[in-house]
Amino acid sequence: MIKILKNLRGKHAQTEPAHQDDTPFFIVGCVRSGTTMLRNVLRRHPRLECPEETHFFRWTAPFGSPQFLRPYQHNPVVRKQQEMDGVSREEFDALVAASNSRKELAEKYGQLYLQKRGNPHGRWFDKTPQHFYGMLMISQMFPQARFIHIYRNPLNVVASLFEGKVVSLPDMSAATSYWVEAMAVMTEYKQLGGADRVLEIGYEDFTSNPVNCSQRILEFIGEDEGLLRNPGKGIHPERNRYQQVLGDSDIEEVRRRCMPYQEYYGYT
């Protein structure tokens, strides 16, 4: 593994100032809530690099167990995401063998990804929506890490899952549970004392004013907002597709199940 890292050379090699904070941060939220959009905008900052979804803190099987390793060995989506990062199966196996915990694996993967991106002195961050299930573990392993929670109207989340262009889940109850569980975990996490580690951004706010929201995020994570390139490029306002996808009874059922969280987040 050491040999692999030494042999990689960054095309954007730079000297890292001592004051810069390279602590990773984590984008979390319900699926279909804009986590990918937000990741892609932050990737336009010259210091910030984010791999595809890592899933390191998503599943509950103990680190190193066959159950923990199985998705990385057999799940085609996970394998494809690692290929998109430029990480071979041999390289990933070497990372696992050199790690004793999820934290070590995440750090080694992040550093390898920085090398792959030609930005060895950059700052890696993680975007795996379902990592909200592992927020307590992430908080314990990365005591200084912060979370960016992007949330979206549950009606549009359910409609997107119904349409299935990216993630398909045509079951009404399951699609709604995605949103309810994410909000429940986030609410409890903040009540347990983690509120100062979380910045919450509404999908509708971000798509309406990406420049302002991007500045808030970069200030929250301690990065120079002046270095971010074209934060509004390719961003369009919310289209409220639920009005075309969901029937009246579906809308009423989603609203019923999502209370009181939708009221708290302003979706009345």
Protein backbone atom coordinates (compact mmCIF):
# COMPACT_ATOMS: atom_id res chain seq x y z
CA MET A 1 0.00 0.00 0.00
CA ILE A 2 2.83 2.40 0.86
CA LYS A 3 4.42 1.64 -2.50
CA ILE A 4 1.15 2.38 -4.29
CA LEU A 5 0.86 5.77 -2.62
CA LYS A 6 4.51 6.69 -3.24
CA ASN A 7 4.25 5.88 -6.92
CA LEU A 8 1.32 8.22 -7.46
CA ARG A 9 2.15 11.80 -8.36
CA GLY A 10 -0.33 14.66 -8.20
CA LYS A 11 -0.54 16.90 -11.25
CA HIS A 12 -1.75 19.70 -8.96
CA ALA A 13 0.85 19.15 -6.24
CA GLN A 14 0.92 22.05 -3.81
CA THR A 15 2.35 22.99 -0.46
CA GLU A 16 -0.28 22.87 2.23
CA PRO A 17 -0.39 25.88 4.58
CA ALA A 18 -0.20 24.90 8.23
CA HIS A 19 -3.48 26.65 9.09
CA GLN A 20 -5.66 24.67 6.68
CA ASP A 21 -8.06 22.14 8.18
CA ASP A 22 -8.07 18.80 6.39
CA THR A 23 -10.63 17.17 8.69
CA PRO A 24 -13.12 15.33 6.46
CA PHE A 25 -16.75 16.37 6.47
CA PHE A 26 -19.77 14.29 5.54
CA ILE A 27 -22.75 15.09 3.31
CA VAL A 28 -25.78 13.14 4.50
CA GLY A 29 -29.50 13.11 3.87
CA CYS A 30 -32.35 11.12 2.48
CA VAL A 31 -31.72 9.68 -0.98
CA ARG A 32 -32.96 11.87 -3.83
CA SER A 33 -32.53 15.01 -1.74
CA GLY A 34 -29.67 16.65 -3.63
CA THR A 35 -26.59 15.09 -2.00
CA THR A 36 -25.02 14.39 -5.40
CA MET A 37 -25.80 17.89 -6.64
CA LEU A 38 -24.17 19.39 -3.55
CA ARG A 39 -21.13 17.13 -3.83
CA ASN A 40 -20.61 18.12 -7.47
CA VAL A 41 -20.76 21.81 -6.63
CA LEU A 42 -18.22 21.49 -3.80
CA ARG A 43 -15.93 19.48 -6.07
CA ARG A 44 -15.45 22.71 -8.04
CA HIS A 45 -13.38 24.04 -5.15
CA PRO A 46 -9.68 23.40 -5.85
CA ARG A 47 -9.04 21.96 -2.38
CA LEU A 48 -12.05 19.67 -2.12
CA GLU A 49 -12.26 16.13 -3.50
CA CYS A 50 -15.01 13.59 -2.92
CA PRO A 51 -15.11 9.98 -4.11
CA GLU A 52 -18.25 8.19 -5.12
CA GLU A 53 -20.36 6.76 -2.29
CA THR A 54 -18.12 4.73 0.05
CA HIS A 55 -20.75 3.13 2.33
CA PHE A 56 -18.11 2.68 5.05
CA PHE A 57 -20.47 3.72 7.87
CA ARG A 58 -23.75 2.57 6.35
CA TRP A 59 -23.98 -1.09 7.34
CA THR A 60 -23.90 -2.41 10.88
CA ALA A 61 -21.71 -5.52 10.44
CA PRO A 62 -18.44 -5.24 12.42
CA PHE A 63 -15.46 -3.98 10.51
CA GLY A 64 -13.42 -6.76 8.92
CA SER A 65 -16.15 -9.36 9.24
CA PRO A 66 -17.32 -11.31 6.18
CA GLN A 67 -20.64 -9.47 6.41
CA PHE A 68 -18.86 -6.10 6.32
CA LEU A 69 -16.71 -7.06 3.34
CA ARG A 70 -19.42 -8.77 1.28
CA PRO A 71 -20.82 -5.62 -0.41
CA TYR A 72 -17.33 -4.57 -1.48
CA GLN A 73 -16.69 -7.98 -2.94
CA HIS A 74 -20.02 -8.75 -4.58
CA ASN A 75 -22.23 -5.65 -4.87
CA PRO A 76 -21.95 -4.43 -8.49
CA VAL A 77 -22.97 -0.87 -7.61
CA VAL A 78 -20.28 -0.56 -4.93
CA ARG A 79 -17.66 -2.07 -7.22
CA LYS A 80 -18.66 0.28 -10.05
CA GLN A 81 -18.34 3.29 -7.75
CA GLN A 82 -14.82 2.27 -6.78
CA GLU A 83 -13.93 1.85 -10.44
CA MET A 84 -15.21 5.37 -11.07
CA ASP A 85 -12.81 6.53 -8.34
CA GLY A 86 -9.97 4.80 -10.16
CA VAL A 87 -9.46 2.32 -7.32
CA SER A 88 -8.80 -1.25 -8.38
CA ARG A 89 -9.94 -4.29 -6.43
CA GLU A 90 -6.31 -5.04 -5.56
CA GLU A 91 -5.80 -1.54 -4.21
CA PHE A 92 -8.97 -1.70 -2.14
CA ASP A 93 -8.03 -5.11 -0.72
CA ALA A 94 -4.65 -3.64 0.27
CA LEU A 95 -6.42 -0.77 2.06
CA VAL A 96 -8.61 -3.19 4.00
CA ALA A 97 -5.64 -5.35 4.96
CA ALA A 98 -3.76 -2.29 6.24
CA SER A 99 -6.72 -1.00 8.31
CA ASN A 100 -7.97 -1.93 11.77
CA SER A 101 -11.17 0.11 11.78
CA ARG A 102 -13.68 1.88 9.56
CA LYS A 103 -11.91 5.14 10.35
CA GLU A 104 -8.56 3.88 9.12
CA LEU A 105 -10.16 2.48 5.97
CA ALA A 106 -11.97 5.77 5.29
CA GLU A 107 -8.80 7.80 5.83
CA LYS A 108 -6.67 5.55 3.63
CA TYR A 109 -9.30 5.53 0.89
CA GLY A 110 -9.60 9.32 1.07
CA GLN A 111 -5.84 9.78 0.81
CA LEU A 112 -5.60 7.35 -2.09
CA TYR A 113 -8.42 9.18 -3.86
CA LEU A 114 -6.60 12.50 -3.42
CA GLN A 115 -3.58 10.92 -5.07
CA LYS A 116 -5.71 9.56 -7.88
CA ARG A 117 -7.14 13.03 -8.44
CA GLY A 118 -3.68 14.58 -8.60
CA ASN A 119 -4.46 16.70 -5.55
CA PRO A 120 -2.45 15.06 -2.72
CA HIS A 121 -2.60 18.13 -0.47
CA GLY A 122 -6.33 18.60 -0.94
CA ARG A 123 -9.11 17.78 1.49
CA TRP A 124 -11.31 14.76 0.95
CA PHE A 125 -14.92 14.57 2.05
CA ASP A 126 -17.61 11.92 1.90
CA LYS A 127 -21.02 11.82 0.27
CA THR A 128 -23.01 8.73 1.14
CA PRO A 129 -26.65 9.66 1.87
CA GLN A 130 -27.27 6.61 4.07
CA HIS A 131 -24.40 7.53 6.35
CA PHE A 132 -26.97 9.25 8.52
CA TYR A 133 -27.49 5.74 9.94
CA GLY A 134 -23.86 5.82 11.13
CA MET A 135 -23.62 9.40 12.38
CA LEU A 136 -22.87 8.39 15.98
CA MET A 137 -20.03 6.14 14.86
CA ILE A 138 -18.65 8.80 12.53
CA SER A 139 -18.82 11.35 15.36
CA GLN A 140 -16.91 9.05 17.69
CA MET A 141 -14.23 8.19 15.14
CA PHE A 142 -13.89 11.73 13.74
CA PRO A 143 -14.45 13.99 16.78
CA GLN A 144 -13.85 17.18 14.78
CA ALA A 145 -15.82 16.20 11.69
CA ARG A 146 -18.91 18.13 10.64
CA PHE A 147 -22.03 17.14 8.74
CA ILE A 148 -23.89 18.91 5.97
CA HIS A 149 -27.51 17.75 5.91
CA ILE A 150 -29.41 18.58 2.74
CA TYR A 151 -33.15 17.96 2.95
CA ARG A 152 -35.98 18.15 0.44
CA ASN A 153 -39.77 18.18 0.35
CA PRO A 154 -40.78 14.56 1.05
CA LEU A 155 -43.38 14.69 -1.72
CA ASN A 156 -40.66 15.31 -4.30
CA VAL A 157 -38.42 12.66 -2.73
CA VAL A 158 -41.18 10.05 -2.98
CA ALA A 159 -42.05 11.16 -6.51
CA SER A 160 -38.42 10.80 -7.57
CA LEU A 161 -38.24 7.31 -6.10
CA PHE A 162 -41.48 6.41 -7.89
CA GLU A 163 -40.10 7.61 -11.23
CA GLY A 164 -36.93 5.64 -10.60
CA LYS A 165 -34.59 7.44 -12.98
CA VAL A 166 -31.68 7.09 -10.54
CA VAL A 167 -32.99 5.11 -7.56
CA SER A 168 -36.21 3.14 -8.00
CA LEU A 169 -38.51 2.33 -5.11
CA PRO A 170 -42.15 2.19 -6.27
CA ASP A 171 -43.49 1.13 -2.88
CA MET A 172 -45.21 4.08 -1.18
CA SER A 173 -44.50 2.97 2.38
CA ALA A 174 -40.83 2.21 1.76
CA ALA A 175 -40.24 5.41 -0.20
CA THR A 176 -41.78 7.49 2.57
CA SER A 177 -39.77 5.62 5.21
CA TYR A 178 -36.56 6.75 3.57
CA TRP A 179 -37.43 10.36 4.36
CA VAL A 180 -38.98 9.75 7.79
CA GLU A 181 -36.02 7.72 9.05
CA ALA A 182 -33.48 10.27 7.85
CA MET A 183 -35.32 13.11 9.59
CA ALA A 184 -35.82 11.06 12.75
CA VAL A 185 -32.11 10.22 13.03
CA MET A 186 -31.05 13.80 12.35
CA THR A 187 -33.52 15.20 14.87
CA GLU A 188 -32.33 12.80 17.57
CA TYR A 189 -28.67 13.45 16.79
CA LYS A 190 -29.13 17.19 17.26
CA GLN A 191 -31.07 16.70 20.48
CA LEU A 192 -28.24 14.53 21.84
CA GLY A 193 -25.87 17.48 21.53
CA GLY A 194 -24.64 17.31 17.95
CA ALA A 195 -26.46 20.39 16.64
CA ASP A 196 -23.30 22.50 16.45
CA ARG A 197 -21.71 19.91 14.16
CA VAL A 198 -24.53 20.04 11.61
CA LEU A 199 -25.36 22.58 8.92
CA GLU A 200 -28.77 22.01 7.37
CA ILE A 201 -29.53 23.24 3.87
CA GLY A 202 -32.88 22.98 2.12
CA TYR A 203 -32.79 21.65 -1.43
CA GLU A 204 -35.21 24.37 -2.48
CA ASP A 205 -33.03 27.07 -0.91
CA PHE A 206 -29.89 25.73 -2.57
CA THR A 207 -31.40 25.45 -6.03
CA SER A 208 -32.87 28.95 -5.73
CA ASN A 209 -29.66 30.58 -4.47
CA PRO A 210 -26.66 28.26 -4.93
CA VAL A 211 -24.10 31.03 -4.52
CA ASN A 212 -25.33 32.11 -1.09
CA CYS A 213 -25.81 28.55 0.15
CA SER A 214 -22.38 27.51 -1.10
CA GLN A 215 -20.81 30.40 0.80
CA ARG A 216 -22.58 29.29 4.00
CA ILE A 217 -21.30 25.75 3.55
CA LEU A 218 -17.71 26.78 2.85
CA GLU A 219 -17.71 29.09 5.86
CA PHE A 220 -19.06 26.22 7.99
CA ILE A 221 -16.25 23.86 6.92
CA GLY A 222 -13.56 26.54 7.02
CA GLU A 223 -12.77 26.89 3.32
CA ASP A 224 -12.24 30.00 1.19
CA GLU A 225 -15.52 30.62 -0.64
CA GLY A 226 -13.71 32.85 -3.11
CA LEU A 227 -12.03 29.79 -4.63
CA LEU A 228 -15.26 28.02 -5.57
CA ARG A 229 -15.87 28.03 -9.32
CA ASN A 230 -19.35 28.50 -10.85
CA PRO A 231 -21.49 27.21 -7.95
CA GLY A 232 -24.69 27.91 -9.90
CA LYS A 233 -23.74 26.12 -13.09
CA GLY A 234 -26.27 23.47 -14.08
CA ILE A 235 -28.54 24.15 -11.06
CA HIS A 236 -32.26 24.59 -11.70
CA PRO A 237 -35.06 25.45 -9.24
CA GLU A 238 -37.26 22.69 -7.80
CA ARG A 239 -39.88 21.57 -10.32
CA ASN A 240 -42.32 19.92 -7.87
CA ARG A 241 -42.67 16.80 -9.97
CA TYR A 242 -44.88 15.28 -7.29
CA GLN A 243 -47.81 17.22 -8.77
CA GLN A 244 -47.56 15.09 -11.92
CA VAL A 245 -46.43 11.80 -10.34
CA LEU A 246 -48.53 11.40 -7.17
CA GLY A 247 -52.28 11.22 -6.81
CA ASP A 248 -54.26 13.10 -4.18
CA SER A 249 -54.49 10.07 -1.88
CA ASP A 250 -50.73 9.47 -2.22
CA ILE A 251 -50.00 13.09 -1.33
CA GLU A 252 -52.23 12.89 1.73
CA GLU A 253 -50.59 9.65 2.87
CA VAL A 254 -47.07 11.05 2.52
CA ARG A 255 -48.01 14.18 4.42
CA ARG A 256 -49.64 12.15 7.19
CA ARG A 257 -46.64 9.90 7.67
CA CYS A 258 -44.07 12.69 7.49
CA MET A 259 -45.51 14.74 10.32
CA PRO A 260 -44.15 16.36 12.44
CA TYR A 261 -40.82 16.48 10.59
CA GLN A 262 -42.21 18.11 7.46
CA GLU A 263 -43.69 20.85 9.60
CA TYR A 264 -40.36 21.42 11.36
CA TYR A 265 -38.56 21.74 8.01
CA GLY A 266 -41.21 24.10 6.63
CA TYR A 267 -43.16 21.75 4.37
CA THR A 268 -46.68 22.44 5.50
